[in-house]
Amino acid sequence: MLAVSVPGSSANLGPGFDALGIALSLRSELGVVDARAPREQPASSVDGHHPASVAFARAGGSGTLWVRSSIPIGRGLGFSGAMRVGGAALALLQRADAAGLGADGRREVLAVAAELEGHADNAAASLYGGIVATDGASAVAVPTPLTPDVVVWIPADTTATSSSRAALPPTVSRADAVFNIGRTATLVAALASADVAALDAATDDRLHQDVRFAEAPASAAALASGRAAGAWCGWLSGSGPTVAFLAAPGEGAALAAALPEDGQTKVLGVDGAGMTVAVAPARSPC
């Protein structure tokens, strides 16, 4: 059975608006429903409006998809990006008789997913794994010797990315643009050189977080709590309302315990594999 496994992600990392993403150890499995045994799929099928199905069709796929996901929906953890990467990848694998995706195939997957997302940061992280920088058309790995715990604080509220982006101002000042360019460059350099002390200031932002925090004050409070509790750094994950932190290996649980109790916490890791071709499990209950 043709199937893929795709990680969720956290985007922006503070100042890297639409340009930086990190893959997380929250995974989804997607596959093409076997028309010969439609009731023997490992998860429920999804309709044609599902983001995975839309990407599957856009990339030339034929058939119906099933999805099983541990990525929360509407929380800023890359659900739609992962689904679109998975759907597009399945279409290309179907066309190639599941022979695998080379570099050109992955670029095509990114192009489809980024077009549907409207930005490439989540999709690039889910596709390639690790920490990535993207210009919208291609992605480059951000190498780091660090192996942090990634702690996410997830409130009950959801955020619609489209409305969150619509609230952002159409222009920014030169000072704010320079501020974010400097912080983004410092963040990439700090990750590459394992300069943990530089990470906190490097994740400051002036382009999007304050606007989004105005609509999610609990998330702003969670970010402040995590930074005060010793996180290496923290940011609003994507458009929110989830807040993400990097912490020293083994210290994620203590950090999670210090965060506000009105949100769910998860201690995750950085997923280094990205999208992988999976062997679908045997029949299991929907």
Protein backbone atom coordinates (compact mmCIF):
# COMPACT_ATOMS: atom_id res chain seq x y z
CA MET A 1 0.00 0.00 0.00
CA LEU A 2 1.42 3.40 -1.02
CA ALA A 3 1.96 5.58 2.07
CA VAL A 4 4.18 8.34 3.47
CA SER A 5 5.03 9.62 6.94
CA VAL A 6 5.39 13.37 7.45
CA PRO A 7 6.40 15.35 10.56
CA GLY A 8 4.72 18.46 11.87
CA SER A 9 6.67 21.68 12.22
CA SER A 10 7.07 25.03 13.90
CA ALA A 11 7.65 28.02 11.66
CA ASN A 12 9.19 31.49 11.83
CA LEU A 13 11.29 30.74 14.96
CA GLY A 14 10.62 34.34 15.97
CA PRO A 15 12.26 36.66 13.43
CA GLY A 16 12.42 34.33 10.43
CA PHE A 17 8.96 35.17 9.14
CA ASP A 18 8.06 32.76 6.29
CA ALA A 19 11.75 31.83 6.03
CA LEU A 20 12.66 29.47 8.90
CA GLY A 21 11.08 26.22 10.07
CA ILE A 22 11.88 23.28 12.31
CA ALA A 23 10.50 19.76 11.93
CA LEU A 24 9.03 18.22 15.08
CA SER A 25 8.63 14.67 16.31
CA LEU A 26 4.86 14.75 15.74
CA ARG A 27 4.05 12.59 12.74
CA SER A 28 1.22 11.92 10.34
CA GLU A 29 0.76 8.97 8.04
CA LEU A 30 -1.03 9.33 4.72
CA GLY A 31 -1.74 6.82 2.02
CA VAL A 32 -3.75 6.03 -1.08
CA VAL A 33 -6.85 3.94 -0.43
CA ASP A 34 -6.54 0.54 -2.04
CA ALA A 35 -9.57 0.33 -4.31
CA ARG A 36 -9.46 -3.46 -4.10
CA ALA A 37 -10.00 -3.40 -0.33
CA PRO A 38 -11.44 0.02 0.60
CA ARG A 39 -12.54 -1.16 4.05
CA GLU A 40 -9.13 -2.49 4.97
CA GLN A 41 -7.32 0.83 5.31
CA PRO A 42 -5.25 1.75 8.38
CA ALA A 43 -7.25 4.96 8.96
CA SER A 44 -10.32 6.79 7.76
CA SER A 45 -10.40 8.21 4.26
CA VAL A 46 -10.66 11.98 3.71
CA ASP A 47 -12.77 13.93 1.25
CA GLY A 48 -11.63 16.04 -1.66
CA HIS A 49 -11.57 19.25 0.40
CA HIS A 50 -8.96 17.97 2.85
CA PRO A 51 -5.59 19.75 2.37
CA ALA A 52 -3.88 16.43 1.62
CA SER A 53 -6.46 15.59 -1.05
CA VAL A 54 -6.20 19.02 -2.65
CA ALA A 55 -2.40 18.71 -2.90
CA PHE A 56 -2.71 15.13 -4.16
CA ALA A 57 -5.01 16.22 -6.97
CA ARG A 58 -2.92 19.32 -7.77
CA ALA A 59 0.16 17.13 -8.21
CA GLY A 60 -1.68 14.72 -10.50
CA GLY A 61 -2.69 11.98 -8.08
CA SER A 62 -5.64 9.70 -8.70
CA GLY A 63 -7.79 8.10 -6.03
CA THR A 64 -8.80 8.70 -2.41
CA LEU A 65 -6.47 9.26 0.53
CA TRP A 66 -6.53 8.04 4.12
CA VAL A 67 -4.91 10.04 6.91
CA ARG A 68 -3.88 9.33 10.48
CA SER A 69 -2.31 12.27 12.31
CA SER A 70 -0.99 13.22 15.73
CA ILE A 71 -0.50 16.87 14.71
CA PRO A 72 -3.05 19.21 16.35
CA ILE A 73 -5.17 21.14 13.85
CA GLY A 74 -5.21 24.95 13.88
CA ARG A 75 -2.57 25.26 16.59
CA GLY A 76 0.47 26.48 14.63
CA LEU A 77 2.21 23.11 14.46
CA GLY A 78 2.21 22.66 10.71
CA PHE A 79 -0.80 20.39 10.18
CA SER A 80 -1.77 21.83 6.80
CA GLY A 81 1.84 21.98 5.61
CA ALA A 82 2.43 18.34 6.52
CA MET A 83 -0.81 17.29 4.83
CA ARG A 84 0.07 19.13 1.64
CA VAL A 85 3.57 17.72 1.57
CA GLY A 86 2.16 14.23 2.10
CA GLY A 87 -0.52 14.59 -0.54
CA ALA A 88 1.83 15.97 -3.18
CA ALA A 89 4.45 13.33 -2.39
CA LEU A 90 1.91 10.53 -2.75
CA ALA A 91 0.92 11.85 -6.18
CA LEU A 92 4.53 11.89 -7.38
CA LEU A 93 5.20 8.46 -5.91
CA GLN A 94 2.08 7.14 -7.61
CA ARG A 95 3.30 8.47 -10.94
CA ALA A 96 6.74 6.94 -10.33
CA ASP A 97 5.33 3.58 -9.22
CA ALA A 98 6.58 4.26 -5.68
CA ALA A 99 10.21 4.23 -6.86
CA GLY A 100 11.06 7.07 -4.49
CA LEU A 101 11.58 10.80 -4.76
CA GLY A 102 14.87 12.31 -5.81
CA ALA A 103 15.93 15.92 -5.44
CA ASP A 104 13.80 17.05 -8.37
CA GLY A 105 10.75 15.26 -7.01
CA ARG A 106 11.16 16.89 -3.61
CA ARG A 107 11.45 20.30 -5.22
CA GLU A 108 8.19 19.61 -7.04
CA VAL A 109 6.54 18.57 -3.76
CA LEU A 110 7.75 21.81 -2.14
CA ALA A 111 6.46 23.88 -5.04
CA VAL A 112 2.97 22.38 -4.81
CA ALA A 113 2.80 22.59 -1.02
CA ALA A 114 4.15 26.14 -0.88
CA GLU A 115 1.73 27.33 -3.55
CA LEU A 116 -1.23 25.94 -1.61
CA GLU A 117 0.08 27.13 1.76
CA GLY A 118 0.98 30.60 0.52
CA HIS A 119 4.40 30.25 2.17
CA ALA A 120 7.06 27.53 2.28
CA ASP A 121 8.47 27.47 5.83
CA ASN A 122 6.26 24.75 7.35
CA ALA A 123 6.24 22.65 4.20
CA ALA A 124 10.01 22.82 3.76
CA ALA A 125 10.62 21.68 7.34
CA SER A 126 8.14 18.81 7.03
CA LEU A 127 9.61 17.74 3.71
CA TYR A 128 13.31 17.89 4.52
CA GLY A 129 13.39 17.57 8.31
CA GLY A 130 15.66 19.36 10.76
CA ILE A 131 15.89 23.14 10.74
CA VAL A 132 15.59 24.74 7.32
CA ALA A 133 15.79 28.14 5.71
CA THR A 134 13.68 28.71 2.61
CA ASP A 135 13.24 31.41 0.01
CA GLY A 136 9.90 29.99 -1.05
CA ALA A 137 11.23 27.96 -3.96
CA SER A 138 14.08 26.02 -2.38
CA ALA A 139 15.26 25.04 1.08
CA VAL A 140 18.67 24.80 2.74
CA ALA A 141 19.40 22.88 5.92
CA VAL A 142 20.59 24.89 8.91
CA PRO A 143 23.25 22.62 10.42
CA THR A 144 23.57 22.49 14.19
CA PRO A 145 25.34 20.20 16.65
CA LEU A 146 22.62 20.99 19.21
CA THR A 147 20.09 18.29 20.12
CA PRO A 148 17.56 20.27 22.15
CA ASP A 149 14.32 19.26 23.74
CA VAL A 150 11.52 21.12 21.99
CA VAL A 151 8.70 22.03 24.36
CA VAL A 152 5.38 23.22 22.98
CA TRP A 153 2.61 24.83 25.01
CA ILE A 154 -0.75 24.35 23.27
CA PRO A 155 -3.82 26.29 24.44
CA ALA A 156 -7.38 25.20 23.78
CA ASP A 157 -7.99 28.00 21.28
CA THR A 158 -7.30 27.63 17.59
CA THR A 159 -5.95 30.12 15.07
CA ALA A 160 -6.84 30.46 11.40
CA THR A 161 -3.63 31.26 9.55
CA SER A 162 -5.47 33.25 6.87
CA SER A 163 -7.09 35.65 9.35
CA SER A 164 -3.91 35.90 11.40
CA ARG A 165 -1.90 36.89 8.35
CA ALA A 166 -4.58 39.35 7.25
CA ALA A 167 -4.15 41.22 10.55
CA LEU A 168 -0.48 41.94 9.86
CA PRO A 169 0.43 45.40 8.52
CA PRO A 170 1.18 45.58 4.77
CA THR A 171 4.43 47.50 5.31
CA VAL A 172 7.10 47.68 8.00
CA SER A 173 9.65 50.32 8.92
CA ARG A 174 13.25 50.07 7.82
CA ALA A 175 14.29 49.83 11.47
CA ASP A 176 12.03 46.84 12.08
CA ALA A 177 13.18 45.15 8.88
CA VAL A 178 16.83 45.61 9.83
CA PHE A 179 16.07 44.35 13.35
CA ASN A 180 14.58 41.12 12.02
CA ILE A 181 17.29 40.58 9.43
CA GLY A 182 19.90 40.90 12.15
CA ARG A 183 18.07 38.57 14.53
CA THR A 184 17.50 35.97 11.81
CA ALA A 185 21.16 35.99 10.78
CA THR A 186 22.22 35.75 14.43
CA LEU A 187 19.79 32.88 15.05
CA VAL A 188 21.13 30.84 12.12
CA ALA A 189 24.73 31.54 13.18
CA ALA A 190 24.00 30.66 16.81
CA LEU A 191 22.42 27.35 15.82
CA ALA A 192 25.31 26.49 13.53
CA SER A 193 27.94 27.37 16.14
CA ALA A 194 26.02 25.97 19.15
CA ASP A 195 26.10 29.40 20.81
CA VAL A 196 23.26 28.71 23.24
CA ALA A 197 23.69 32.03 25.02
CA ALA A 198 22.85 33.93 21.83
CA LEU A 199 19.59 32.11 21.09
CA ASP A 200 17.25 33.99 23.43
CA ALA A 201 17.82 37.46 22.00
CA ALA A 202 18.12 36.00 18.49
CA THR A 203 14.48 34.86 18.54
CA ASP A 204 13.10 38.36 19.22
CA ASP A 205 10.81 39.70 16.49
CA ARG A 206 9.18 42.95 15.41
CA LEU A 207 7.25 41.86 12.30
CA HIS A 208 4.44 39.59 13.45
CA GLN A 209 4.50 38.31 17.02
CA ASP A 210 3.27 41.42 18.84
CA VAL A 211 0.26 41.71 16.51
CA ARG A 212 -0.61 38.07 17.02
CA PHE A 213 -0.01 38.14 20.76
CA ALA A 214 -2.49 41.00 21.05
CA GLU A 215 -5.16 38.46 20.08
CA ALA A 216 -3.64 35.69 22.21
CA PRO A 217 -2.48 37.19 25.54
CA ALA A 218 -2.31 33.74 27.16
CA SER A 219 0.29 32.74 24.59
CA ALA A 220 2.32 35.87 25.35
CA ALA A 221 2.21 34.96 29.04
CA ALA A 222 3.34 31.41 28.28
CA LEU A 223 6.30 32.71 26.26
CA ALA A 224 7.36 34.94 29.14
CA SER A 225 7.00 32.07 31.62
CA GLY A 226 9.13 29.73 29.54
CA ARG A 227 11.90 32.24 29.03
CA ALA A 228 11.92 33.03 32.75
CA ALA A 229 12.07 29.30 33.55
CA GLY A 230 15.32 28.83 31.66
CA ALA A 231 14.42 27.95 28.07
CA TRP A 232 17.20 28.61 25.62
CA CYS A 233 14.72 30.54 23.52
CA GLY A 234 11.05 30.63 22.56
CA TRP A 235 8.68 31.92 19.89
CA LEU A 236 5.09 31.94 18.73
CA SER A 237 4.80 28.78 16.65
CA GLY A 238 3.69 29.77 13.17
CA SER A 239 0.64 31.98 13.53
CA GLY A 240 -0.04 30.50 16.97
CA PRO A 241 -1.57 30.10 19.39
CA THR A 242 1.03 27.46 20.35
CA VAL A 243 4.32 28.67 21.81
CA ALA A 244 7.51 26.67 21.22
CA PHE A 245 10.76 26.57 23.18
CA LEU A 246 14.21 25.04 22.85
CA ALA A 247 15.69 23.62 26.05
CA ALA A 248 18.77 21.69 27.04
CA PRO A 249 18.51 17.95 26.42
CA GLY A 250 16.71 16.30 29.32
CA GLU A 251 15.36 19.58 30.71
CA GLY A 252 12.19 19.70 28.66
CA ALA A 253 9.98 18.12 31.32
CA ALA A 254 11.03 20.65 33.96
CA LEU A 255 10.38 23.50 31.55
CA ALA A 256 6.98 22.10 30.63
CA ALA A 257 6.06 21.93 34.34
CA ALA A 258 6.81 25.65 34.69
CA LEU A 259 4.42 26.71 31.94
CA PRO A 260 0.86 27.94 32.58
CA GLU A 261 -1.60 25.19 33.46
CA ASP A 262 -4.26 26.46 31.04
CA GLY A 263 -2.47 24.82 28.13
CA GLN A 264 -1.32 21.35 27.15
CA THR A 265 2.42 20.75 26.98
CA LYS A 266 4.41 18.29 24.90
CA VAL A 267 8.12 17.56 25.10
CA LEU A 268 9.30 16.79 21.59
CA GLY A 269 12.50 16.57 19.62
CA VAL A 270 13.72 17.81 16.27
CA ASP A 271 12.72 15.38 13.52
CA GLY A 272 15.72 14.90 11.28
CA ALA A 273 14.18 12.61 8.69
CA GLY A 274 11.46 14.74 7.13
CA MET A 275 9.00 13.08 4.77
CA THR A 276 9.66 9.36 4.38
CA VAL A 277 8.04 6.66 2.29
CA ALA A 278 6.28 4.41 4.76
CA VAL A 279 5.03 0.87 4.80
CA ALA A 280 1.38 1.12 5.69
CA PRO A 281 0.43 -1.03 8.70
CA ALA A 282 -1.88 -3.96 8.44
CA ARG A 283 -5.61 -3.56 8.89
CA SER A 284 -6.56 -1.78 12.10
CA PRO A 285 -9.78 -0.22 13.39
CA CYS A 286 -10.66 3.24 12.10
